[in-house]
C-alpha atoms as a PDB file:
ATOM      1  CA  MET A   1     -20.458  20.246   5.208  1.00  0.00           C
ATOM      2  CA  ALA A   2     -18.414  19.296   2.205  1.00  0.00           C
ATOM      3  CA  GLU A   3     -18.845  16.070   0.533  1.00  0.00           C
ATOM      4  CA  ALA A   4     -16.967  13.265   2.410  1.00  0.00           C
ATOM      5  CA  ILE A   5     -14.099  11.539   0.918  1.00  0.00           C
ATOM      6  CA  LEU A   6     -13.519   9.123   3.901  1.00  0.00           C
ATOM      7  CA  THR A   7     -16.624   7.689   5.457  1.00  0.00           C
ATOM      8  CA  VAL A   8     -16.453   5.548   8.683  1.00  0.00           C
ATOM      9  CA  ARG A   9     -19.583   3.931   9.990  1.00  0.00           C
ATOM     10  CA  GLY A  10     -20.129   2.041  13.361  1.00  0.00           C
ATOM     11  CA  LEU A  11     -16.364   1.318  13.656  1.00  0.00           C
ATOM     12  CA  SER A  12     -15.623  -0.883  16.619  1.00  0.00           C
ATOM     13  CA  ARG A  13     -12.697  -2.973  17.833  1.00  0.00           C
ATOM     14  CA  HIS A  14     -12.963  -5.036  20.858  1.00  0.00           C
ATOM     15  CA  PHE A  15      -9.841  -6.704  22.721  1.00  0.00           C
ATOM     16  CA  GLY A  16     -11.560  -9.424  24.685  1.00  0.00           C
ATOM     17  CA  GLY A  17     -13.832  -7.546  27.028  1.00  0.00           C
ATOM     18  CA  LEU A  18     -12.362  -4.249  26.408  1.00  0.00           C
ATOM     19  CA  GLN A  19     -14.140  -1.810  23.950  1.00  0.00           C
ATOM     20  CA  ALA A  20     -11.174   0.156  22.693  1.00  0.00           C
ATOM     21  CA  VAL A  21     -13.491   1.757  19.860  1.00  0.00           C
ATOM     22  CA  ASN A  22     -17.178   1.479  20.019  1.00  0.00           C
ATOM     23  CA  GLY A  23     -19.480   2.447  17.275  1.00  0.00           C
ATOM     24  CA  VAL A  24     -17.535   5.437  15.846  1.00  0.00           C
ATOM     25  CA  ASN A  25     -18.877   7.556  13.000  1.00  0.00           C
ATOM     26  CA  LEU A  26     -16.420   9.859  11.056  1.00  0.00           C
ATOM     27  CA  GLU A  27     -16.399  11.883   7.931  1.00  0.00           C
ATOM     28  CA  VAL A  28     -13.485  13.543   6.391  1.00  0.00           C
ATOM     29  CA  PRO A  29     -14.585  16.255   4.125  1.00  0.00           C
ATOM     30  CA  ARG A  30     -13.033  16.503   0.623  1.00  0.00           C
ATOM     31  CA  GLY A  31     -10.306  18.940   0.549  1.00  0.00           C
ATOM     32  CA  LYS A  32     -10.680  19.731   4.309  1.00  0.00           C
ATOM     33  CA  LEU A  33      -8.929  18.848   7.494  1.00  0.00           C
ATOM     34  CA  LEU A  34     -10.618  16.928  10.309  1.00  0.00           C
ATOM     35  CA  ALA A  35      -8.724  16.780  13.538  1.00  0.00           C
ATOM     36  CA  LEU A  36      -9.354  13.696  15.799  1.00  0.00           C
ATOM     37  CA  ILE A  37      -8.667  14.531  19.255  1.00  0.00           C
ATOM     38  CA  GLY A  38      -9.238  13.030  22.869  1.00  0.00           C
ATOM     39  CA  PRO A  39      -7.681  12.518  26.203  1.00  0.00           C
ATOM     40  CA  ASN A  40      -5.059   9.780  26.722  1.00  0.00           C
ATOM     41  CA  GLY A  41      -6.744   6.368  26.395  1.00  0.00           C
ATOM     42  CA  ALA A  42      -9.546   7.699  24.331  1.00  0.00           C
ATOM     43  CA  GLY A  43      -9.029   5.212  21.528  1.00  0.00           C
ATOM     44  CA  LYS A  44      -7.255   7.541  18.889  1.00  0.00           C
ATOM     45  CA  SER A  45      -4.327   5.275  18.209  1.00  0.00           C
ATOM     46  CA  THR A  46      -6.668   2.055  17.865  1.00  0.00           C
ATOM     47  CA  THR A  47      -8.939   4.054  15.448  1.00  0.00           C
ATOM     48  CA  VAL A  48      -5.957   5.175  13.341  1.00  0.00           C
ATOM     49  CA  ASN A  49      -4.591   1.542  13.325  1.00  0.00           C
ATOM     50  CA  LEU A  50      -8.120   0.357  12.170  1.00  0.00           C
ATOM     51  CA  LEU A  51      -8.437   2.862   9.311  1.00  0.00           C
ATOM     52  CA  ALA A  52      -4.733   2.122   8.122  1.00  0.00           C
ATOM     53  CA  GLY A  53      -5.391  -1.654   8.026  1.00  0.00           C
ATOM     54  CA  VAL A  54      -2.984  -2.409  10.830  1.00  0.00           C
ATOM     55  CA  LEU A  55      -5.917  -3.974  12.981  1.00  0.00           C
ATOM     56  CA  GLU A  56      -9.204  -5.367  11.637  1.00  0.00           C
ATOM     57  CA  PRO A  57     -12.411  -3.936  12.829  1.00  0.00           C
ATOM     58  CA  THR A  58     -14.722  -6.134  15.111  1.00  0.00           C
ATOM     59  CA  ALA A  59     -17.652  -4.271  13.387  1.00  0.00           C
ATOM     60  CA  GLY A  60     -18.269  -1.288  11.082  1.00  0.00           C
ATOM     61  CA  SER A  61     -17.153  -0.029   7.659  1.00  0.00           C
ATOM     62  CA  ILE A  62     -14.477   2.245   6.131  1.00  0.00           C
ATOM     63  CA  ALA A  63     -14.978   3.736   2.632  1.00  0.00           C
ATOM     64  CA  LEU A  64     -12.563   5.882   0.600  1.00  0.00           C
ATOM     65  CA  ASP A  65     -14.272   7.860  -2.094  1.00  0.00           C
ATOM     66  CA  GLY A  66     -16.927   5.112  -2.264  1.00  0.00           C
ATOM     67  CA  ARG A  67     -14.477   2.169  -2.149  1.00  0.00           C
ATOM     68  CA  ASP A  68     -14.841  -0.187   0.699  1.00  0.00           C
ATOM     69  CA  LEU A  69     -11.510  -0.637   2.491  1.00  0.00           C
ATOM     70  CA  THR A  70     -13.048  -2.502   5.573  1.00  0.00           C
ATOM     71  CA  GLY A  71     -10.567  -5.367   6.631  1.00  0.00           C
ATOM     72  CA  LEU A  72      -8.063  -4.859   3.901  1.00  0.00           C
ATOM     73  CA  PRO A  73      -4.298  -5.093   4.961  1.00  0.00           C
ATOM     74  CA  ALA A  74      -2.116  -2.071   5.314  1.00  0.00           C
ATOM     75  CA  HIS A  75      -0.261  -2.271   2.014  1.00  0.00           C
ATOM     76  CA  ARG A  76      -3.673  -2.297   0.210  1.00  0.00           C
ATOM     77  CA  VAL A  77      -5.195   0.490   2.205  1.00  0.00           C
ATOM     78  CA  ALA A  78      -2.124   2.735   1.453  1.00  0.00           C
ATOM     79  CA  GLY A  79      -2.151   1.744  -2.260  1.00  0.00           C
ATOM     80  CA  ALA A  80      -5.767   2.720  -2.479  1.00  0.00           C
ATOM     81  CA  GLY A  81      -4.949   6.248  -1.190  1.00  0.00           C
ATOM     82  CA  LEU A  82      -5.446   6.171   2.633  1.00  0.00           C
ATOM     83  CA  VAL A  83      -1.913   7.043   3.726  1.00  0.00           C
ATOM     84  CA  ARG A  84      -0.553   7.665   7.233  1.00  0.00           C
ATOM     85  CA  THR A  85       2.435   8.906   9.079  1.00  0.00           C
ATOM     86  CA  PHE A  86       3.447   7.351  12.478  1.00  0.00           C
ATOM     87  CA  GLN A  87       3.547   8.778  15.934  1.00  0.00           C
ATOM     88  CA  ASN A  88       6.847   7.245  16.455  1.00  0.00           C
ATOM     89  CA  GLY A  89       8.975   7.640  13.515  1.00  0.00           C
ATOM     90  CA  ARG A  90       9.607   4.474  11.376  1.00  0.00           C
ATOM     91  CA  LEU A  91      12.542   5.658   9.425  1.00  0.00           C
ATOM     92  CA  PHE A  92      15.648   3.758   8.386  1.00  0.00           C
ATOM     93  CA  LYS A  93      18.382   5.584  10.159  1.00  0.00           C
ATOM     94  CA  ARG A  94      21.279   4.183   8.021  1.00  0.00           C
ATOM     95  CA  LEU A  95      19.693   5.026   4.600  1.00  0.00           C
ATOM     96  CA  SER A  96      19.672   8.502   3.138  1.00  0.00           C
ATOM     97  CA  VAL A  97      16.926  10.976   3.236  1.00  0.00           C
ATOM     98  CA  LEU A  98      15.980  10.384  -0.438  1.00  0.00           C
ATOM     99  CA  GLU A  99      16.292   6.578  -0.023  1.00  0.00           C
ATOM    100  CA  ASN A 100      13.835   6.790   2.863  1.00  0.00           C
ATOM    101  CA  VAL A 101      11.317   8.660   0.815  1.00  0.00           C
ATOM    102  CA  LEU A 102      11.641   6.314  -2.057  1.00  0.00           C
ATOM    103  CA  VAL A 103      11.153   3.257   0.203  1.00  0.00           C
ATOM    104  CA  GLY A 104       7.510   4.509   0.505  1.00  0.00           C
ATOM    105  CA  ALA A 105       6.885   4.742  -3.198  1.00  0.00           C
ATOM    106  CA  HIS A 106       6.756   0.997  -4.084  1.00  0.00           C
ATOM    107  CA  ALA A 107       2.964   0.851  -3.332  1.00  0.00           C
ATOM    108  CA  ARG A 108       2.118   3.190  -6.088  1.00  0.00           C
ATOM    109  CA  HIS A 109       4.374   1.718  -8.777  1.00  0.00           C
ATOM    110  CA  THR A 110       2.301   0.282 -11.827  1.00  0.00           C
ATOM    111  CA  THR A 111       5.131  -1.635 -13.672  1.00  0.00           C
ATOM    112  CA  GLY A 112       5.365  -5.204 -12.679  1.00  0.00           C
ATOM    113  CA  PHE A 113       7.968  -7.628 -11.292  1.00  0.00           C
ATOM    114  CA  TRP A 114       9.570  -8.551 -14.480  1.00  0.00           C
ATOM    115  CA  SER A 115       9.664  -4.976 -15.695  1.00  0.00           C
ATOM    116  CA  ALA A 116      11.734  -4.187 -12.698  1.00  0.00           C
ATOM    117  CA  VAL A 117      14.030  -7.198 -12.849  1.00  0.00           C
ATOM    118  CA  LEU A 118      14.748  -6.449 -16.545  1.00  0.00           C
ATOM    119  CA  ARG A 119      14.742  -2.714 -16.018  1.00  0.00           C
ATOM    120  CA  LEU A 120      12.481  -2.224 -19.103  1.00  0.00           C
ATOM    121  CA  PRO A 121      11.940   1.362 -20.367  1.00  0.00           C
ATOM    122  CA  ALA A 122       8.547   1.636 -18.629  1.00  0.00           C
ATOM    123  CA  PHE A 123      10.121   0.789 -15.232  1.00  0.00           C
ATOM    124  CA  ARG A 124      13.018   3.185 -15.836  1.00  0.00           C
ATOM    125  CA  ALA A 125      10.714   6.083 -16.675  1.00  0.00           C
ATOM    126  CA  GLU A 126       8.428   5.393 -13.538  1.00  0.00           C
ATOM    127  CA  GLU A 127      11.690   5.344 -11.476  1.00  0.00           C
ATOM    128  CA  ARG A 128      12.931   8.713 -12.901  1.00  0.00           C
ATOM    129  CA  ALA A 129       9.482  10.182 -12.168  1.00  0.00           C
ATOM    130  CA  THR A 130       9.269   8.841  -8.781  1.00  0.00           C
ATOM    131  CA  ARG A 131      12.712  10.257  -7.835  1.00  0.00           C
ATOM    132  CA  GLU A 132      11.817  13.627  -9.282  1.00  0.00           C
ATOM    133  CA  LEU A 133       8.769  13.582  -7.056  1.00  0.00           C
ATOM    134  CA  ALA A 134      10.725  12.677  -3.934  1.00  0.00           C
ATOM    135  CA  LEU A 135      13.164  15.550  -4.615  1.00  0.00           C
ATOM    136  CA  GLU A 136      10.285  18.041  -5.168  1.00  0.00           C
ATOM    137  CA  LEU A 137       8.659  16.881  -1.928  1.00  0.00           C
ATOM    138  CA  LEU A 138      11.839  17.279   0.001  1.00  0.00           C
ATOM    139  CA  ASP A 139      12.423  20.707  -1.511  1.00  0.00           C
ATOM    140  CA  GLY A 140       9.082  21.738  -0.441  1.00  0.00           C
ATOM    141  CA  LEU A 141       9.772  20.727   3.143  1.00  0.00           C
ATOM    142  CA  GLY A 142      13.286  22.397   3.158  1.00  0.00           C
ATOM    143  CA  LEU A 143      15.132  19.174   2.913  1.00  0.00           C
ATOM    144  CA  ALA A 144      16.569  19.344  -0.610  1.00  0.00           C
ATOM    145  CA  GLY A 145      20.104  20.040   0.761  1.00  0.00           C
ATOM    146  CA  ASP A 146      19.666  16.897   3.102  1.00  0.00           C
ATOM    147  CA  ALA A 147      18.642  14.527   0.392  1.00  0.00           C
ATOM    148  CA  GLY A 148      22.046  12.547   0.408  1.00  0.00           C
ATOM    149  CA  ARG A 149      22.642  12.538   4.171  1.00  0.00           C
ATOM    150  CA  GLU A 150      21.779   9.547   6.409  1.00  0.00           C
ATOM    151  CA  VAL A 151      18.657  10.076   8.452  1.00  0.00           C
ATOM    152  CA  GLY A 152      20.384   9.278  11.644  1.00  0.00           C
ATOM    153  CA  GLU A 153      22.587  12.352  11.356  1.00  0.00           C
ATOM    154  CA  LEU A 154      19.455  14.824  11.129  1.00  0.00           C
ATOM    155  CA  PRO A 155      17.581  16.345  13.990  1.00  0.00           C
ATOM    156  CA  TYR A 156      14.414  15.036  15.204  1.00  0.00           C
ATOM    157  CA  GLY A 157      12.339  17.882  13.587  1.00  0.00           C
ATOM    158  CA  LYS A 158      13.792  17.071  10.147  1.00  0.00           C
ATOM    159  CA  GLN A 159      13.074  13.458  10.628  1.00  0.00           C
ATOM    160  CA  ARG A 160       9.361  14.267  11.277  1.00  0.00           C
ATOM    161  CA  LYS A 161       9.330  16.087   8.003  1.00  0.00           C
ATOM    162  CA  ILE A 162      10.727  13.090   6.084  1.00  0.00           C
ATOM    163  CA  GLU A 163       7.947  11.031   7.575  1.00  0.00           C
ATOM    164  CA  ILE A 164       5.469  13.342   5.817  1.00  0.00           C
ATOM    165  CA  ALA A 165       7.475  13.252   2.477  1.00  0.00           C
ATOM    166  CA  ARG A 166       7.419   9.450   2.577  1.00  0.00           C
ATOM    167  CA  ALA A 167       3.502   9.475   2.988  1.00  0.00           C
ATOM    168  CA  LEU A 168       3.015  12.151   0.320  1.00  0.00           C
ATOM    169  CA  ILE A 169       4.944  10.261  -2.309  1.00  0.00           C
ATOM    170  CA  LEU A 170       2.137   7.806  -2.340  1.00  0.00           C
ATOM    171  CA  LYS A 171       0.039  10.586  -3.735  1.00  0.00           C
ATOM    172  CA  PRO A 172      -2.762   9.941  -0.966  1.00  0.00           C
ATOM    173  CA  GLN A 173      -6.427  10.915  -1.389  1.00  0.00           C
ATOM    174  CA  VAL A 174      -6.543  11.295   2.428  1.00  0.00           C
ATOM    175  CA  LEU A 175      -3.320  11.833   4.429  1.00  0.00           C
ATOM    176  CA  MET A 176      -3.356  10.719   8.178  1.00  0.00           C
ATOM    177  CA  LEU A 177      -1.002  12.684  10.227  1.00  0.00           C
ATOM    178  CA  ASP A 178      -0.506  10.863  13.469  1.00  0.00           C
ATOM    179  CA  GLU A 179       0.925  13.296  16.190  1.00  0.00           C
ATOM    180  CA  PRO A 180       3.088  15.222  13.667  1.00  0.00           C
ATOM    181  CA  ALA A 181       3.944  17.990  16.192  1.00  0.00           C
ATOM    182  CA  ALA A 182       5.191  15.552  18.891  1.00  0.00           C
ATOM    183  CA  GLY A 183       8.658  16.465  19.962  1.00  0.00           C
ATOM    184  CA  LEU A 184       8.840  19.657  17.837  1.00  0.00           C
ATOM    185  CA  ASN A 185       9.947  22.997  19.215  1.00  0.00           C
ATOM    186  CA  SER A 186       7.793  26.097  18.683  1.00  0.00           C
ATOM    187  CA  GLY A 187       9.526  27.174  15.552  1.00  0.00           C
ATOM    188  CA  GLU A 188       9.086  23.632  14.014  1.00  0.00           C
ATOM    189  CA  VAL A 189       5.406  23.694  14.931  1.00  0.00           C
ATOM    190  CA  GLU A 190       5.041  26.945  13.029  1.00  0.00           C
ATOM    191  CA  GLU A 191       6.611  25.391   9.954  1.00  0.00           C
ATOM    192  CA  LEU A 192       4.342  22.458  10.224  1.00  0.00           C
ATOM    193  CA  ILE A 193       1.328  24.520  10.419  1.00  0.00           C
ATOM    194  CA  ALA A 194       2.298  26.522   7.328  1.00  0.00           C
ATOM    195  CA  TYR A 195       3.116  23.257   5.413  1.00  0.00           C
ATOM    196  CA  VAL A 196      -0.082  21.495   6.414  1.00  0.00           C
ATOM    197  CA  SER A 197      -2.145  24.634   5.535  1.00  0.00           C
ATOM    198  CA  ALA A 198      -0.442  24.533   2.031  1.00  0.00           C
ATOM    199  CA  LEU A 199      -1.406  20.977   1.433  1.00  0.00           C
ATOM    200  CA  ARG A 200      -4.981  21.616   2.291  1.00  0.00           C
ATOM    201  CA  ALA A 201      -4.992  24.741  -0.052  1.00  0.00           C
ATOM    202  CA  LYS A 202      -3.928  22.437  -2.792  1.00  0.00           C
ATOM    203  CA  GLY A 203      -6.985  20.235  -2.077  1.00  0.00           C
ATOM    204  CA  LEU A 204      -5.592  17.372  -0.083  1.00  0.00           C
ATOM    205  CA  SER A 205      -8.020  15.810   2.351  1.00  0.00           C
ATOM    206  CA  ILE A 206      -6.238  15.448   5.804  1.00  0.00           C
ATOM    207  CA  LEU A 207      -7.065  13.513   8.978  1.00  0.00           C
ATOM    208  CA  LEU A 208      -5.001  14.942  11.868  1.00  0.00           C
ATOM    209  CA  ILE A 209      -4.512  13.169  15.154  1.00  0.00           C
ATOM    210  CA  GLU A 210      -2.878  15.578  17.486  1.00  0.00           C
ATOM    211  CA  HIS A 211      -2.566  16.674  21.233  1.00  0.00           C
ATOM    212  CA  ASN A 212      -1.354  20.200  20.374  1.00  0.00           C
ATOM    213  CA  MET A 213      -4.630  22.130  20.882  1.00  0.00           C
ATOM    214  CA  GLY A 214      -3.206  25.343  19.629  1.00  0.00           C
ATOM    215  CA  LEU A 215      -2.225  23.606  16.393  1.00  0.00           C
ATOM    216  CA  VAL A 216      -5.556  21.848  16.214  1.00  0.00           C
ATOM    217  CA  MET A 217      -7.640  25.123  16.549  1.00  0.00           C
ATOM    218  CA  ARG A 218      -5.595  26.900  13.828  1.00  0.00           C
ATOM    219  CA  LEU A 219      -5.804  24.044  11.312  1.00  0.00           C
ATOM    220  CA  ALA A 220      -8.948  22.106  11.613  1.00  0.00           C
ATOM    221  CA  ASP A 221     -12.057  22.643   9.662  1.00  0.00           C
ATOM    222  CA  ARG A 222     -13.819  20.092  11.835  1.00  0.00           C
ATOM    223  CA  ILE A 223     -13.011  18.382  15.009  1.00  0.00           C
ATOM    224  CA  ALA A 224     -14.107  14.946  16.337  1.00  0.00           C
ATOM    225  CA  VAL A 225     -13.524  14.066  19.927  1.00  0.00           C
ATOM    226  CA  LEU A 226     -13.183  10.490  21.358  1.00  0.00           C
ATOM    227  CA  ASN A 227     -13.384   9.428  24.818  1.00  0.00           C
ATOM    228  CA  PHE A 228     -13.274   5.894  26.156  1.00  0.00           C
ATOM    229  CA  GLY A 229     -13.623   4.767  22.584  1.00  0.00           C
ATOM    230  CA  GLN A 230     -16.822   6.706  21.756  1.00  0.00           C
ATOM    231  CA  LEU A 231     -17.399   9.818  19.737  1.00  0.00           C
ATOM    232  CA  ILE A 232     -18.543  12.595  22.096  1.00  0.00           C
ATOM    233  CA  ALA A 233     -18.504  15.460  19.735  1.00  0.00           C
ATOM    234  CA  ASP A 234     -18.077  16.327  16.013  1.00  0.00           C
ATOM    235  CA  GLY A 235     -18.249  19.860  14.546  1.00  0.00           C
ATOM    236  CA  GLU A 236     -16.663  23.144  13.803  1.00  0.00           C
ATOM    237  CA  PRO A 237     -13.830  24.166  16.368  1.00  0.00           C
ATOM    238  CA  ALA A 238     -15.734  26.864  18.063  1.00  0.00           C
ATOM    239  CA  GLN A 239     -18.626  24.546  18.466  1.00  0.00           C
ATOM    240  CA  VAL A 240     -16.569  21.698  19.790  1.00  0.00           C
ATOM    241  CA  ARG A 241     -14.491  23.768  22.206  1.00  0.00           C
ATOM    242  CA  ASN A 242     -17.707  24.863  23.941  1.00  0.00           C
ATOM    243  CA  THR A 243     -19.307  21.406  24.159  1.00  0.00           C
ATOM    244  CA  GLU A 244     -19.980  20.356  27.834  1.00  0.00           C
ATOM    245  CA  ALA A 245     -19.002  16.704  27.264  1.00  0.00           C
ATOM    246  CA  VAL A 246     -15.675  17.769  25.768  1.00  0.00           C
ATOM    247  CA  ILE A 247     -14.706  20.197  28.676  1.00  0.00           C
ATOM    248  CA  GLU A 248     -15.614  17.515  31.197  1.00  0.00           C
ATOM    249  CA  ALA A 249     -13.518  14.837  29.286  1.00  0.00           C
ATOM    250  CA  TYR A 250     -10.491  17.078  29.149  1.00  0.00           C
ATOM    251  CA  LEU A 251     -10.856  18.971  32.484  1.00  0.00           C
ATOM    252  CA  GLY A 252     -12.746  16.543  34.612  1.00  0.00           C
ATOM    253  CA  ARG A 253     -15.433  18.979  35.312  1.00  0.00           C
ATOM    254  CA  LYS A 254     -18.619  20.289  33.769  1.00  0.00           C
ATOM    255  CA  LYS A 255     -18.978  23.510  32.022  1.00  0.00           C
ATOM    256  CA  GLY A 256     -19.320  26.458  34.405  1.00  0.00           C
ATOM    257  CA  SER A 257     -18.384  24.350  37.457  1.00  0.00           C
ATOM    258  CA  HIS A 258     -15.155  24.890  39.529  1.00  0.00           C
ATOM    259  CA  ALA A 259     -12.445  22.310  39.084  1.00  0.00           C
ATOM    260  CA  ALA A 260     -11.636  20.319  42.303  1.00  0.00           C
ATOM    261  CA  ARG A 261      -8.377  21.454  43.952  1.00  0.00           C
END
């Protein structure tokens, strides 16, 4: 397996007596795509929130390219290069498409507060570069013509793309895509597959959390499977698909047995 850029060890989160995530170990290979899957209630959303800094782990560690991110708040995690999209869009519907993408860029700005207030040359140069990057990202997603439109005017499929552009403007080391195919039609799913494949081909490391198994099998270099907060499988797609524990978790039966009627 390729060198890991994101390493998770013993990750746990307890809510009172409930163990939502229990001792999970994950590695996202550099320049590859790891899919995190599992049935409803498996602990996927809690895991993503722990990685993103929304929740603090009860135990365990999270390291990005050797840097310890454990327990850091969400804005510092994103600024370090571990960036997420959201399962349920967090867009500003009254702002334009371009403005929504630019909102996500503040965490990567290097000019200081007074430089922004006084609009010094360094700030203006950074602002221009950020705007150019935003337009480039929108163009790559087929949204250049919508840059000035209010987000609320656009169909759901385009809004999902804006979420991805807003994450990419942070220039992530690892991009976490949380259910990116949710609500998309078949044509939009094909566009998503093509775009994510292109991002990986450029060397971006990706953690994909997804229910669409057809999409997962087409995109994933490796698959990790959660069930009841524990990791029950981790390997290449063909290997994981035929793992008895995975079949039982998804279908409620053991491999080779007949499902109950």
